[in-house]
Amino acid sequence: MLQADGGVFDEEAHGAGKLNKQDIYLELRRRICLLDYQPGSR
């Protein structure tokens, strides 16, 4: 769960135009950090 620079978390290839699990994780983390998703929001 902590292989941010490759490894198990990133190993699945993703199709054209789709985000992989790492991309999704980073984008959601960014939104939470920038308060796009406020604490307590679903």
Full PDB file with SEQRES, HELIX, SHEET, SSBOND, CRYST1, ORIGX, SCALE, CONECT and MASTER records, all heavy atoms in Angstrom:
SEQRES   1 A   42  MET LEU GLN ALA ASP GLY GLY VAL PHE ASP GLU GLU ALA          
SEQRES   2 A   42  HIS GLY ALA GLY LYS LEU ASN LYS GLN ASP ILE TYR LEU          
SEQRES   3 A   42  GLU LEU ARG ARG ARG ILE CYS LEU LEU ASP TYR GLN PRO          
SEQRES   4 A   42  GLY SER ARG                                                  
HELIX    1 AA1 VAL A    8  ASP A   10  5                                   3    
HELIX    2 AA2 LYS A   21  CYS A   33  1                                  13    
CRYST1    1.000    1.000    1.000  90.00  90.00  90.00 P 1           1          
ORIGX1      1.000000  0.000000  0.000000        0.00000                         
ORIGX2      0.000000  1.000000  0.000000        0.00000                         
ORIGX3      0.000000  0.000000  1.000000        0.00000                         
SCALE1      1.000000  0.000000  0.000000        0.00000                         
SCALE2      0.000000  1.000000  0.000000        0.00000                         
SCALE3      0.000000  0.000000  1.000000        0.00000                         
ATOM      1  N   MET A   1       0.811  -1.202   0.000  1.00  0.00           N  
ATOM      2  CA  MET A   1       0.000   0.000   0.000  1.00  0.00           C  
ATOM      3  C   MET A   1       0.850   1.260   0.000  1.00  0.00           C  
ATOM      4  O   MET A   1       0.350   2.350  -0.146  1.00  0.00           O  
ATOM      5  CB  MET A   1      -0.910   0.018   1.235  1.00  0.00           C  
ATOM      6  CG  MET A   1      -1.901  -1.130   1.262  1.00  0.00           C  
ATOM      7  SD  MET A   1      -2.960  -1.164  -0.186  1.00  0.00           S  
ATOM      8  CE  MET A   1      -3.929   0.310   0.070  1.00  0.00           C  
ATOM      9  N   LEU A   2       2.176   1.111   0.188  1.00  0.00           N  
ATOM     10  CA  LEU A   2       3.032   2.279   0.277  1.00  0.00           C  
ATOM     11  C   LEU A   2       4.032   2.376  -0.864  1.00  0.00           C  
ATOM     12  O   LEU A   2       4.953   3.178  -0.809  1.00  0.00           O  
ATOM     13  CB  LEU A   2       3.796   2.278   1.613  1.00  0.00           C  
ATOM     14  CG  LEU A   2       2.944   2.580   2.834  1.00  0.00           C  
ATOM     15  CD1 LEU A   2       3.778   2.434   4.091  1.00  0.00           C  
ATOM     16  CD2 LEU A   2       2.368   3.974   2.760  1.00  0.00           C  
ATOM     17  N   GLN A   3       3.853   1.583  -1.894  1.00  0.00           N  
ATOM     18  CA  GLN A   3       4.791   1.640  -3.011  1.00  0.00           C  
ATOM     19  C   GLN A   3       4.409   2.769  -3.958  1.00  0.00           C  
ATOM     20  O   GLN A   3       3.812   2.566  -4.996  1.00  0.00           O  
ATOM     21  CB  GLN A   3       4.817   0.305  -3.755  1.00  0.00           C  
ATOM     22  CG  GLN A   3       5.242  -0.867  -2.863  1.00  0.00           C  
ATOM     23  CD  GLN A   3       6.597  -0.636  -2.239  1.00  0.00           C  
ATOM     24  OE1 GLN A   3       7.535  -0.311  -2.952  1.00  0.00           O  
ATOM     25  NE2 GLN A   3       6.723  -0.787  -0.943  1.00  0.00           N  
ATOM     26  N   ALA A   4       4.760   3.999  -3.581  1.00  0.00           N  
ATOM     27  CA  ALA A   4       4.352   5.171  -4.349  1.00  0.00           C  
ATOM     28  C   ALA A   4       5.155   5.345  -5.628  1.00  0.00           C  
ATOM     29  O   ALA A   4       4.739   6.028  -6.548  1.00  0.00           O  
ATOM     30  CB  ALA A   4       4.486   6.428  -3.490  1.00  0.00           C  
ATOM     31  N   ASP A   5       6.338   4.762  -5.693  1.00  0.00           N  
ATOM     32  CA  ASP A   5       7.205   4.965  -6.852  1.00  0.00           C  
ATOM     33  C   ASP A   5       7.322   3.702  -7.693  1.00  0.00           C  
ATOM     34  O   ASP A   5       8.370   3.378  -8.227  1.00  0.00           O  
ATOM     35  CB  ASP A   5       8.597   5.413  -6.386  1.00  0.00           C  
ATOM     36  CG  ASP A   5       8.538   6.711  -5.625  1.00  0.00           C  
ATOM     37  OD1 ASP A   5       7.799   7.596  -6.062  1.00  0.00           O  
ATOM     38  OD2 ASP A   5       9.218   6.824  -4.591  1.00  0.00           O  
ATOM     39  N   GLY A   6       6.234   2.963  -7.794  1.00  0.00           N  
ATOM     40  CA  GLY A   6       6.257   1.734  -8.577  1.00  0.00           C  
ATOM     41  C   GLY A   6       5.898   0.562  -7.693  1.00  0.00           C  
ATOM     42  O   GLY A   6       5.374   0.705  -6.616  1.00  0.00           O  
ATOM     43  N   GLY A   7       6.179  -0.653  -8.136  1.00  0.00           N  
ATOM     44  CA  GLY A   7       5.931  -1.817  -7.309  1.00  0.00           C  
ATOM     45  C   GLY A   7       4.496  -2.291  -7.407  1.00  0.00           C  
ATOM     46  O   GLY A   7       3.803  -2.055  -8.378  1.00  0.00           O  
ATOM     47  N   VAL A   8       4.051  -2.951  -6.347  1.00  0.00           N  
ATOM     48  CA  VAL A   8       2.769  -3.646  -6.376  1.00  0.00           C  
ATOM     49  C   VAL A   8       1.617  -2.728  -6.703  1.00  0.00           C  
ATOM     50  O   VAL A   8       0.742  -3.042  -7.492  1.00  0.00           O  
ATOM     51  CB  VAL A   8       2.533  -4.337  -5.009  1.00  0.00           C  
ATOM     52  CG1 VAL A   8       1.158  -5.003  -4.998  1.00  0.00           C  
ATOM     53  CG2 VAL A   8       3.626  -5.363  -4.747  1.00  0.00           C  
ATOM     54  N   PHE A   9       1.606  -1.543  -6.095  1.00  0.00           N  
ATOM     55  CA  PHE A   9       0.453  -0.663  -6.251  1.00  0.00           C  
ATOM     56  C   PHE A   9       0.273  -0.189  -7.684  1.00  0.00           C  
ATOM     57  O   PHE A   9      -0.827   0.079  -8.118  1.00  0.00           O  
ATOM     58  CB  PHE A   9       0.621   0.555  -5.316  1.00  0.00           C  
ATOM     59  CG  PHE A   9      -0.604   1.425  -5.249  1.00  0.00           C  
ATOM     60  CD1 PHE A   9      -1.687   1.058  -4.469  1.00  0.00           C  
ATOM     61  CD2 PHE A   9      -0.678   2.598  -5.972  1.00  0.00           C  
ATOM     62  CE1 PHE A   9      -2.813   1.842  -4.409  1.00  0.00           C  
ATOM     63  CE2 PHE A   9      -1.800   3.389  -5.917  1.00  0.00           C  
ATOM     64  CZ  PHE A   9      -2.868   3.019  -5.133  1.00  0.00           C  
ATOM     65  N   ASP A  10       1.342  -0.098  -8.443  1.00  0.00           N  
ATOM     66  CA  ASP A  10       1.302   0.476  -9.782  1.00  0.00           C  
ATOM     67  C   ASP A  10       1.392  -0.549 -10.897  1.00  0.00           C  
ATOM     68  O   ASP A  10       1.398  -0.181 -12.057  1.00  0.00           O  
ATOM     69  CB  ASP A  10       2.484   1.445  -9.962  1.00  0.00           C  
ATOM     70  CG  ASP A  10       2.194   2.793  -9.377  1.00  0.00           C  
ATOM     71  OD1 ASP A  10       1.026   3.169  -9.336  1.00  0.00           O  
ATOM     72  OD2 ASP A  10       3.150   3.454  -8.947  1.00  0.00           O  
ATOM     73  N   GLU A  11       1.488  -1.826 -10.576  1.00  0.00           N  
ATOM     74  CA  GLU A  11       1.943  -2.771 -11.584  1.00  0.00           C  
ATOM     75  C   GLU A  11       0.911  -3.052 -12.675  1.00  0.00           C  
ATOM     76  O   GLU A  11       1.271  -3.505 -13.754  1.00  0.00           O  
ATOM     77  CB  GLU A  11       2.375  -4.072 -10.911  1.00  0.00           C  
ATOM     78  CG  GLU A  11       1.230  -4.820 -10.253  1.00  0.00           C  
ATOM     79  CD  GLU A  11       1.744  -6.038  -9.494  1.00  0.00           C  
ATOM     80  OE1 GLU A  11       2.963  -6.226  -9.422  1.00  0.00           O  
ATOM     81  OE2 GLU A  11       0.911  -6.784  -8.983  1.00  0.00           O  
ATOM     82  N   GLU A  12      -0.388  -2.791 -12.441  1.00  0.00           N  
ATOM     83  CA  GLU A  12      -1.378  -3.078 -13.466  1.00  0.00           C  
ATOM     84  C   GLU A  12      -1.340  -2.005 -14.547  1.00  0.00           C  
ATOM     85  O   GLU A  12      -1.341  -0.820 -14.268  1.00  0.00           O  
ATOM     86  CB  GLU A  12      -2.781  -3.124 -12.842  1.00  0.00           C  
ATOM     87  CG  GLU A  12      -3.003  -4.353 -11.976  1.00  0.00           C  
ATOM     88  CD  GLU A  12      -4.440  -4.446 -11.521  1.00  0.00           C  
ATOM     89  OE1 GLU A  12      -5.263  -3.620 -11.982  1.00  0.00           O  
ATOM     90  OE2 GLU A  12      -4.739  -5.328 -10.710  1.00  0.00           O  
ATOM     91  N   ALA A  13      -1.311  -2.429 -15.779  1.00  0.00           N  
ATOM     92  CA  ALA A  13      -1.352  -1.462 -16.881  1.00  0.00           C  
ATOM     93  C   ALA A  13      -2.751  -0.895 -16.991  1.00  0.00           C  
ATOM     94  O   ALA A  13      -3.728  -1.515 -16.610  1.00  0.00           O  
ATOM     95  CB  ALA A  13      -0.963  -2.162 -18.185  1.00  0.00           C  
ATOM     96  N   HIS A  14      -2.855   0.329 -17.493  1.00  0.00           N  
ATOM     97  CA  HIS A  14      -4.170   0.926 -17.654  1.00  0.00           C  
ATOM     98  C   HIS A  14      -4.368   1.303 -19.111  1.00  0.00           C  
ATOM     99  O   HIS A  14      -3.441   1.648 -19.811  1.00  0.00           O  
ATOM    100  CB  HIS A  14      -4.351   2.125 -16.726  1.00  0.00           C  
ATOM    101  CG  HIS A  14      -3.320   3.203 -16.905  1.00  0.00           C  
ATOM    102  ND1 HIS A  14      -2.008   3.044 -16.566  1.00  0.00           N  
ATOM    103  CD2 HIS A  14      -3.430   4.452 -17.410  1.00  0.00           C  
ATOM    104  CE1 HIS A  14      -1.332   4.145 -16.822  1.00  0.00           C  
ATOM    105  NE2 HIS A  14      -2.172   5.017 -17.347  1.00  0.00           N  
ATOM    106  N   GLY A  15      -5.616   1.228 -19.542  1.00  0.00           N  
ATOM    107  CA  GLY A  15      -5.928   1.494 -20.931  1.00  0.00           C  
ATOM    108  C   GLY A  15      -5.818   2.960 -21.284  1.00  0.00           C  
ATOM    109  O   GLY A  15      -5.731   3.825 -20.426  1.00  0.00           O  
ATOM    110  N   ALA A  16      -5.830   3.226 -22.568  1.00  0.00           N  
ATOM    111  CA  ALA A  16      -5.718   4.595 -23.055  1.00  0.00           C  
ATOM    112  C   ALA A  16      -6.889   5.413 -22.533  1.00  0.00           C  
ATOM    113  O   ALA A  16      -8.038   5.009 -22.606  1.00  0.00           O  
ATOM    114  CB  ALA A  16      -5.712   4.598 -24.582  1.00  0.00           C  
ATOM    115  N   GLY A  17      -6.559   6.594 -22.006  1.00  0.00           N  
ATOM    116  CA  GLY A  17      -7.592   7.492 -21.529  1.00  0.00           C  
ATOM    117  C   GLY A  17      -8.091   7.181 -20.137  1.00  0.00           C  
ATOM    118  O   GLY A  17      -8.943   7.903 -19.613  1.00  0.00           O  
ATOM    119  N   LYS A  18      -7.590   6.117 -19.513  1.00  0.00           N  
ATOM    120  CA  LYS A  18      -8.019   5.763 -18.168  1.00  0.00           C  
ATOM    121  C   LYS A  18      -6.891   5.992 -17.175  1.00  0.00           C  
ATOM    122  O   LYS A  18      -5.722   5.827 -17.494  1.00  0.00           O  
ATOM    123  CB  LYS A  18      -8.470   4.301 -18.115  1.00  0.00           C  
ATOM    124  CG  LYS A  18      -9.766   4.012 -18.853  1.00  0.00           C  
ATOM    125  CD  LYS A  18     -10.204   2.569 -18.642  1.00  0.00           C  
ATOM    126  CE  LYS A  18     -11.520   2.286 -19.346  1.00  0.00           C  
ATOM    127  NZ  LYS A  18     -11.967   0.890 -19.126  1.00  0.00           N  
ATOM    128  N   LEU A  19      -7.286   6.346 -15.956  1.00  0.00           N  
ATOM    129  CA  LEU A  19      -6.308   6.516 -14.893  1.00  0.00           C  
ATOM    130  C   LEU A  19      -6.059   5.176 -14.208  1.00  0.00           C  
ATOM    131  O   LEU A  19      -6.977   4.370 -14.063  1.00  0.00           O  
ATOM    132  CB  LEU A  19      -6.816   7.526 -13.870  1.00  0.00           C  
ATOM    133  CG  LEU A  19      -7.115   8.943 -14.371  1.00  0.00           C  
ATOM    134  CD1 LEU A  19      -7.645   9.792 -13.235  1.00  0.00           C  
ATOM    135  CD2 LEU A  19      -5.862   9.578 -14.955  1.00  0.00           C  
ATOM    136  N   ASN A  20      -4.823   4.955 -13.769  1.00  0.00           N  
ATOM    137  CA  ASN A  20      -4.569   3.745 -12.986  1.00  0.00           C  
ATOM    138  C   ASN A  20      -4.803   4.041 -11.513  1.00  0.00           C  
ATOM    139  O   ASN A  20      -5.166   5.151 -11.116  1.00  0.00           O  
ATOM    140  CB  ASN A  20      -3.155   3.209 -13.251  1.00  0.00           C  
ATOM    141  CG  ASN A  20      -2.074   4.179 -12.813  1.00  0.00           C  
ATOM    142  OD1 ASN A  20      -2.320   5.126 -12.071  1.00  0.00           O  
ATOM    143  ND2 ASN A  20      -0.863   3.947 -13.281  1.00  0.00           N  
ATOM    144  N   LYS A  21      -4.601   3.032 -10.677  1.00  0.00           N  
ATOM    145  CA  LYS A  21      -4.898   3.173  -9.258  1.00  0.00           C  
ATOM    146  C   LYS A  21      -4.054   4.263  -8.598  1.00  0.00           C  
ATOM    147  O   LYS A  21      -4.534   4.999  -7.735  1.00  0.00           O  
ATOM    148  CB  LYS A  21      -4.672   1.833  -8.557  1.00  0.00           C  
ATOM    149  CG  LYS A  21      -5.672   0.762  -8.968  1.00  0.00           C  
ATOM    150  CD  LYS A  21      -5.355  -0.586  -8.338  1.00  0.00           C  
ATOM    151  CE  LYS A  21      -4.105  -1.202  -8.933  1.00  0.00           C  
ATOM    152  NZ  LYS A  21      -3.905  -2.605  -8.472  1.00  0.00           N  
ATOM    153  N   GLN A  22      -2.803   4.352  -9.019  1.00  0.00           N  
ATOM    154  CA  GLN A  22      -1.919   5.380  -8.462  1.00  0.00           C  
ATOM    155  C   GLN A  22      -2.402   6.772  -8.841  1.00  0.00           C  
ATOM    156  O   GLN A  22      -2.428   7.686  -8.004  1.00  0.00           O  
ATOM    157  CB  GLN A  22      -0.488   5.156  -8.967  1.00  0.00           C  
ATOM    158  CG  GLN A  22       0.511   6.243  -8.577  1.00  0.00           C  
ATOM    159  CD  GLN A  22       0.933   6.163  -7.124  1.00  0.00           C  
ATOM    160  OE1 GLN A  22       0.360   5.386  -6.351  1.00  0.00           O  
ATOM    161  NE2 GLN A  22       1.923   6.939  -6.754  1.00  0.00           N  
ATOM    162  N   ASP A  23      -2.794   6.964 -10.099  1.00  0.00           N  
ATOM    163  CA  ASP A  23      -3.302   8.267 -10.544  1.00  0.00           C  
ATOM    164  C   ASP A  23      -4.534   8.669  -9.745  1.00  0.00           C  
ATOM    165  O   ASP A  23      -4.678   9.826  -9.324  1.00  0.00           O  
ATOM    166  CB  ASP A  23      -3.675   8.222 -12.037  1.00  0.00           C  
ATOM    167  CG  ASP A  23      -2.490   7.971 -12.948  1.00  0.00           C  
ATOM    168  OD1 ASP A  23      -1.365   8.367 -12.568  1.00  0.00           O  
ATOM    169  OD2 ASP A  23      -2.672   7.384 -14.027  1.00  0.00           O  
ATOM    170  N   ILE A  24      -5.452   7.709  -9.552  1.00  0.00           N  
ATOM    171  CA  ILE A  24      -6.688   7.984  -8.818  1.00  0.00           C  
ATOM    172  C   ILE A  24      -6.374   8.350  -7.373  1.00  0.00           C  
ATOM    173  O   ILE A  24      -6.916   9.312  -6.819  1.00  0.00           O  
ATOM    174  CB  ILE A  24      -7.637   6.772  -8.876  1.00  0.00           C  
ATOM    175  CG1 ILE A  24      -8.086   6.531 -10.321  1.00  0.00           C  
ATOM    176  CG2 ILE A  24      -8.846   6.974  -7.971  1.00  0.00           C  
ATOM    177  CD1 ILE A  24      -8.816   5.214 -10.527  1.00  0.00           C  
ATOM    178  N   TYR A  25      -5.487   7.577  -6.771  1.00  0.00           N  
ATOM    179  CA  TYR A  25      -5.075   7.848  -5.388  1.00  0.00           C  
ATOM    180  C   TYR A  25      -4.513   9.260  -5.249  1.00  0.00           C  
ATOM    181  O   TYR A  25      -4.904  10.024  -4.352  1.00  0.00           O  
ATOM    182  CB  TYR A  25      -4.040   6.816  -4.953  1.00  0.00           C  
ATOM    183  CG  TYR A  25      -3.246   7.203  -3.735  1.00  0.00           C  
ATOM    184  CD1 TYR A  25      -3.809   7.164  -2.461  1.00  0.00           C  
ATOM    185  CD2 TYR A  25      -1.922   7.621  -3.866  1.00  0.00           C  
ATOM    186  CE1 TYR A  25      -3.071   7.532  -1.347  1.00  0.00           C  
ATOM    187  CE2 TYR A  25      -1.178   7.978  -2.755  1.00  0.00           C  
ATOM    188  CZ  TYR A  25      -1.760   7.935  -1.498  1.00  0.00           C  
ATOM    189  OH  TYR A  25      -1.019   8.306  -0.396  1.00  0.00           O  
ATOM    190  N   LEU A  26      -3.589   9.632  -6.129  1.00  0.00           N  
ATOM    191  CA  LEU A  26      -2.960  10.955  -6.049  1.00  0.00           C  
ATOM    192  C   LEU A  26      -3.968  12.072  -6.271  1.00  0.00           C  
ATOM    193  O   LEU A  26      -3.911  13.110  -5.599  1.00  0.00           O  
ATOM    194  CB  LEU A  26      -1.822  11.049  -7.066  1.00  0.00           C  
ATOM    195  CG  LEU A  26      -0.602  10.156  -6.804  1.00  0.00           C  
ATOM    196  CD1 LEU A  26       0.389  10.258  -7.958  1.00  0.00           C  
ATOM    197  CD2 LEU A  26       0.070  10.527  -5.489  1.00  0.00           C  
ATOM    198  N   GLU A  27      -4.890  11.881  -7.215  1.00  0.00           N  
ATOM    199  CA  GLU A  27      -5.886  12.920  -7.488  1.00  0.00           C  
ATOM    200  C   GLU A  27      -6.847  13.093  -6.312  1.00  0.00           C  
ATOM    201  O   GLU A  27      -7.162  14.218  -5.919  1.00  0.00           O  
ATOM    202  CB  GLU A  27      -6.659  12.591  -8.764  1.00  0.00           C  
ATOM    203  CG  GLU A  27      -7.797  13.556  -9.088  1.00  0.00           C  
ATOM    204  CD  GLU A  27      -7.356  15.000  -9.237  1.00  0.00           C  
ATOM    205  OE1 GLU A  27      -6.153  15.259  -9.524  1.00  0.00           O  
ATOM    206  OE2 GLU A  27      -8.209  15.891  -9.074  1.00  0.00           O  
ATOM    207  N   LEU A  28      -7.306  11.982  -5.746  1.00  0.00           N  
ATOM    208  CA  LEU A  28      -8.208  12.080  -4.594  1.00  0.00           C  
ATOM    209  C   LEU A  28      -7.487  12.680  -3.391  1.00  0.00           C  
ATOM    210  O   LEU A  28      -8.073  13.486  -2.651  1.00  0.00           O  
ATOM    211  CB  LEU A  28      -8.776  10.704  -4.254  1.00  0.00           C  
ATOM    212  CG  LEU A  28      -9.751  10.108  -5.270  1.00  0.00           C  
ATOM    213  CD1 LEU A  28     -10.167   8.702  -4.834  1.00  0.00           C  
ATOM    214  CD2 LEU A  28     -10.972  10.990  -5.445  1.00  0.00           C  
ATOM    215  N   ARG A  29      -6.239  12.309  -3.195  1.00  0.00           N  
ATOM    216  CA  ARG A  29      -5.462  12.883  -2.093  1.00  0.00           C  
ATOM    217  C   ARG A  29      -5.301  14.383  -2.266  1.00  0.00           C  
ATOM    218  O   ARG A  29      -5.415  15.158  -1.312  1.00  0.00           O  
ATOM    219  CB  ARG A  29      -4.092  12.204  -1.999  1.00  0.00           C  
ATOM    220  CG  ARG A  29      -3.296  12.625  -0.776  1.00  0.00           C  
ATOM    221  CD  ARG A  29      -1.974  11.906  -0.683  1.00  0.00           C  
ATOM    222  NE  ARG A  29      -1.039  12.318  -1.714  1.00  0.00           N  
ATOM    223  CZ  ARG A  29       0.252  11.961  -1.735  1.00  0.00           C  
ATOM    224  NH1 ARG A  29       0.730  11.146  -0.793  1.00  0.00           N  
ATOM    225  NH2 ARG A  29       1.060  12.363  -2.696  1.00  0.00           N  
ATOM    226  N   ARG A  30      -5.063  14.787  -3.503  1.00  0.00           N  
ATOM    227  CA  ARG A  30      -4.925  16.211  -3.801  1.00  0.00           C  
ATOM    228  C   ARG A  30      -6.228  16.956  -3.493  1.00  0.00           C  
ATOM    229  O   ARG A  30      -6.214  18.038  -2.898  1.00  0.00           O  
ATOM    230  CB  ARG A  30      -4.535  16.388  -5.268  1.00  0.00           C  
ATOM    231  CG  ARG A  30      -4.388  17.839  -5.720  1.00  0.00           C  
ATOM    232  CD  ARG A  30      -3.937  17.895  -7.169  1.00  0.00           C  
ATOM    233  NE  ARG A  30      -3.821  19.274  -7.624  1.00  0.00           N  
ATOM    234  CZ  ARG A  30      -4.839  20.010  -8.073  1.00  0.00           C  
ATOM    235  NH1 ARG A  30      -6.057  19.468  -8.125  1.00  0.00           N  
ATOM    236  NH2 ARG A  30      -4.658  21.251  -8.455  1.00  0.00           N  
ATOM    237  N   ARG A  31      -7.347  16.389  -3.877  1.00  0.00           N  
ATOM    238  CA  ARG A  31      -8.640  17.035  -3.635  1.00  0.00           C  
ATOM    239  C   ARG A  31      -8.930  17.155  -2.145  1.00  0.00           C  
ATOM    240  O   ARG A  31      -9.457  18.177  -1.690  1.00  0.00           O  
ATOM    241  CB  ARG A  31      -9.752  16.248  -4.330  1.00  0.00           C  
ATOM    242  CG  ARG A  31      -9.685  16.275  -5.837  1.00  0.00           C  
ATOM    243  CD  ARG A  31     -10.807  15.447  -6.467  1.00  0.00           C  
ATOM    244  NE  ARG A  31     -10.665  15.344  -7.907  1.00  0.00           N  
ATOM    245  CZ  ARG A  31     -11.529  14.700  -8.693  1.00  0.00           C  
ATOM    246  NH1 ARG A  31     -12.586  14.094  -8.161  1.00  0.00           N  
ATOM    247  NH2 ARG A  31     -11.329  14.648 -10.004  1.00  0.00           N  
ATOM    248  N   ILE A  32      -8.591  16.104  -1.397  1.00  0.00           N  
ATOM    249  CA  ILE A  32      -8.804  16.149   0.048  1.00  0.00           C  
ATOM    250  C   ILE A  32      -7.921  17.219   0.678  1.00  0.00           C  
ATOM    251  O   ILE A  32      -8.361  17.998   1.523  1.00  0.00           O  
ATOM    252  CB  ILE A  32      -8.521  14.764   0.673  1.00  0.00           C  
ATOM    253  CG1 ILE A  32      -9.587  13.754   0.229  1.00  0.00           C  
ATOM    254  CG2 ILE A  32      -8.484  14.853   2.198  1.00  0.00           C  
ATOM    255  CD1 ILE A  32      -9.267  12.314   0.609  1.00  0.00           C  
ATOM    256  N   CYS A  33      -6.665  17.265   0.237  1.00  0.00           N  
ATOM    257  CA  CYS A  33      -5.717  18.220   0.807  1.00  0.00           C  
ATOM    258  C   CYS A  33      -6.113  19.661   0.502  1.00  0.00           C  
ATOM    259  O   CYS A  33      -5.976  20.545   1.344  1.00  0.00           O  
ATOM    260  CB  CYS A  33      -4.314  17.927   0.279  1.00  0.00           C  
ATOM    261  SG  CYS A  33      -3.010  18.817   1.153  1.00  0.00           S  
ATOM    262  N   LEU A  34      -6.623  19.896  -0.701  1.00  0.00           N  
ATOM    263  CA  LEU A  34      -7.012  21.249  -1.107  1.00  0.00           C  
ATOM    264  C   LEU A  34      -8.432  21.596  -0.670  1.00  0.00           C  
ATOM    265  O   LEU A  34      -8.950  22.649  -1.049  1.00  0.00           O  
ATOM    266  CB  LEU A  34      -6.878  21.396  -2.627  1.00  0.00           C  
ATOM    267  CG  LEU A  34      -5.451  21.397  -3.170  1.00  0.00           C  
ATOM    268  CD1 LEU A  34      -5.453  21.417  -4.689  1.00  0.00           C  
ATOM    269  CD2 LEU A  34      -4.651  22.567  -2.620  1.00  0.00           C  
ATOM    270  N   LEU A  35      -9.045  20.695   0.114  1.00  0.00           N  
ATOM    271  CA  LEU A  35     -10.363  20.932   0.698  1.00  0.00           C  
ATOM    272  C   LEU A  35     -11.474  20.952  -0.347  1.00  0.00           C  
ATOM    273  O   LEU A  35     -12.551  21.507  -0.093  1.00  0.00           O  
ATOM    274  CB  LEU A  35     -10.377  22.235   1.515  1.00  0.00           C  
ATOM    275  CG  LEU A  35      -9.331  22.316   2.625  1.00  0.00           C  
ATOM    276  CD1 LEU A  35      -9.349  23.697   3.289  1.00  0.00           C  
ATOM    277  CD2 LEU A  35      -9.565  21.228   3.668  1.00  0.00           C  
ATOM    278  N   ASP A  36     -11.225  20.374  -1.524  1.00  0.00           N  
ATOM    279  CA  ASP A  36     -12.328  20.163  -2.463  1.00  0.00           C  
ATOM    280  C   ASP A  36     -13.327  19.206  -1.825  1.00  0.00           C  
ATOM    281  O   ASP A  36     -14.534  19.308  -2.062  1.00  0.00           O  
ATOM    282  CB  ASP A  36     -11.810  19.587  -3.783  1.00  0.00           C  
ATOM    283  CG  ASP A  36     -10.926  20.574  -4.533  1.00  0.00           C  
ATOM    284  OD1 ASP A  36     -11.109  21.794  -4.359  1.00  0.00           O  
ATOM    285  OD2 ASP A  36     -10.034  20.121  -5.277  1.00  0.00           O  
ATOM    286  N   TYR A  37     -12.804  18.256  -1.046  1.00  0.00           N  
ATOM    287  CA  TYR A  37     -13.623  17.388  -0.213  1.00  0.00           C  
ATOM    288  C   TYR A  37     -13.379  17.805   1.234  1.00  0.00           C  
ATOM    289  O   TYR A  37     -12.320  17.552   1.790  1.00  0.00           O  
ATOM    290  CB  TYR A  37     -13.249  15.916  -0.399  1.00  0.00           C  
ATOM    291  CG  TYR A  37     -13.395  15.392  -1.813  1.00  0.00           C  
ATOM    292  CD1 TYR A  37     -12.497  14.454  -2.317  1.00  0.00           C  
ATOM    293  CD2 TYR A  37     -14.422  15.821  -2.643  1.00  0.00           C  
ATOM    294  CE1 TYR A  37     -12.623  13.950  -3.609  1.00  0.00           C  
ATOM    295  CE2 TYR A  37     -14.553  15.334  -3.937  1.00  0.00           C  
ATOM    296  CZ  TYR A  37     -13.652  14.402  -4.412  1.00  0.00           C  
ATOM    297  OH  TYR A  37     -13.779  13.911  -5.699  1.00  0.00           O  
ATOM    298  N   GLN A  38     -14.348  18.457   1.825  1.00  0.00           N  
ATOM    299  CA  GLN A  38     -14.211  18.953   3.183  1.00  0.00           C  
ATOM    300  C   GLN A  38     -14.256  17.795   4.191  1.00  0.00           C  
ATOM    301  O   GLN A  38     -14.839  16.741   3.911  1.00  0.00           O  
ATOM    302  CB  GLN A  38     -15.349  19.934   3.490  1.00  0.00           C  
ATOM    303  CG  GLN A  38     -15.303  21.224   2.690  1.00  0.00           C  
ATOM    304  CD  GLN A  38     -14.315  22.221   3.249  1.00  0.00           C  
ATOM    305  OE1 GLN A  38     -14.016  22.216   4.439  1.00  0.00           O  
ATOM    306  NE2 GLN A  38     -13.795  23.097   2.393  1.00  0.00           N  
ATOM    307  N   PRO A  39     -13.638  17.968   5.365  1.00  0.00           N  
ATOM    308  CA  PRO A  39     -13.760  16.947   6.409  1.00  0.00           C  
ATOM    309  C   PRO A  39     -15.225  16.620   6.691  1.00  0.00           C  
ATOM    310  O   PRO A  39     -16.059  17.518   6.827  1.00  0.00           O  
ATOM    311  CB  PRO A  39     -13.099  17.618   7.622  1.00  0.00           C  
ATOM    312  CG  PRO A  39     -12.105  18.570   7.020  1.00  0.00           C  
ATOM    313  CD  PRO A  39     -12.763  19.086   5.776  1.00  0.00           C  
ATOM    314  N   GLY A  40     -15.520  15.330   6.729  1.00  0.00           N  
ATOM    315  CA  GLY A  40     -16.877  14.891   6.978  1.00  0.00           C  
ATOM    316  C   GLY A  40     -17.693  14.631   5.732  1.00  0.00           C  
ATOM    317  O   GLY A  40     -18.754  13.997   5.798  1.00  0.00           O  
ATOM    318  N   SER A  41     -17.217  15.112   4.575  1.00  0.00           N  
ATOM    319  CA  SER A  41     -17.977  14.917   3.337  1.00  0.00           C  
ATOM    320  C   SER A  41     -17.886  13.463   2.882  1.00  0.00           C  
ATOM    321  O   SER A  41     -16.908  12.768   3.138  1.00  0.00           O  
ATOM    322  CB  SER A  41     -17.471  15.852   2.239  1.00  0.00           C  
ATOM    323  OG  SER A  41     -16.113  15.596   1.927  1.00  0.00           O  
ATOM    324  N   ARG A  42     -18.925  13.012   2.186  1.00  0.00           N  
ATOM    325  CA  ARG A  42     -19.022  11.627   1.727  1.00  0.00           C  
ATOM    326  C   ARG A  42     -18.461  11.479   0.314  1.00  0.00           C  
ATOM    327  O   ARG A  42     -18.627  12.365  -0.524  1.00  0.00           O  
ATOM    328  CB  ARG A  42     -20.482  11.170   1.735  1.00  0.00           C  
ATOM    329  CG  ARG A  42     -21.157  11.260   3.095  1.00  0.00           C  
ATOM    330  CD  ARG A  42     -20.727  10.143   4.000  1.00  0.00           C  
ATOM    331  NE  ARG A  42     -21.309  10.270   5.327  1.00  0.00           N  
ATOM    332  CZ  ARG A  42     -21.095   9.402   6.310  1.00  0.00           C  
ATOM    333  NH1 ARG A  42     -20.328   8.351   6.099  1.00  0.00           N  
ATOM    334  NH2 ARG A  42     -21.641   9.584   7.495  1.00  0.00           N  
TER     335      ARG A  42                                                      
MASTER        0    0    0    2    0    0    0    6  334    1    0    4          
END                                                                             
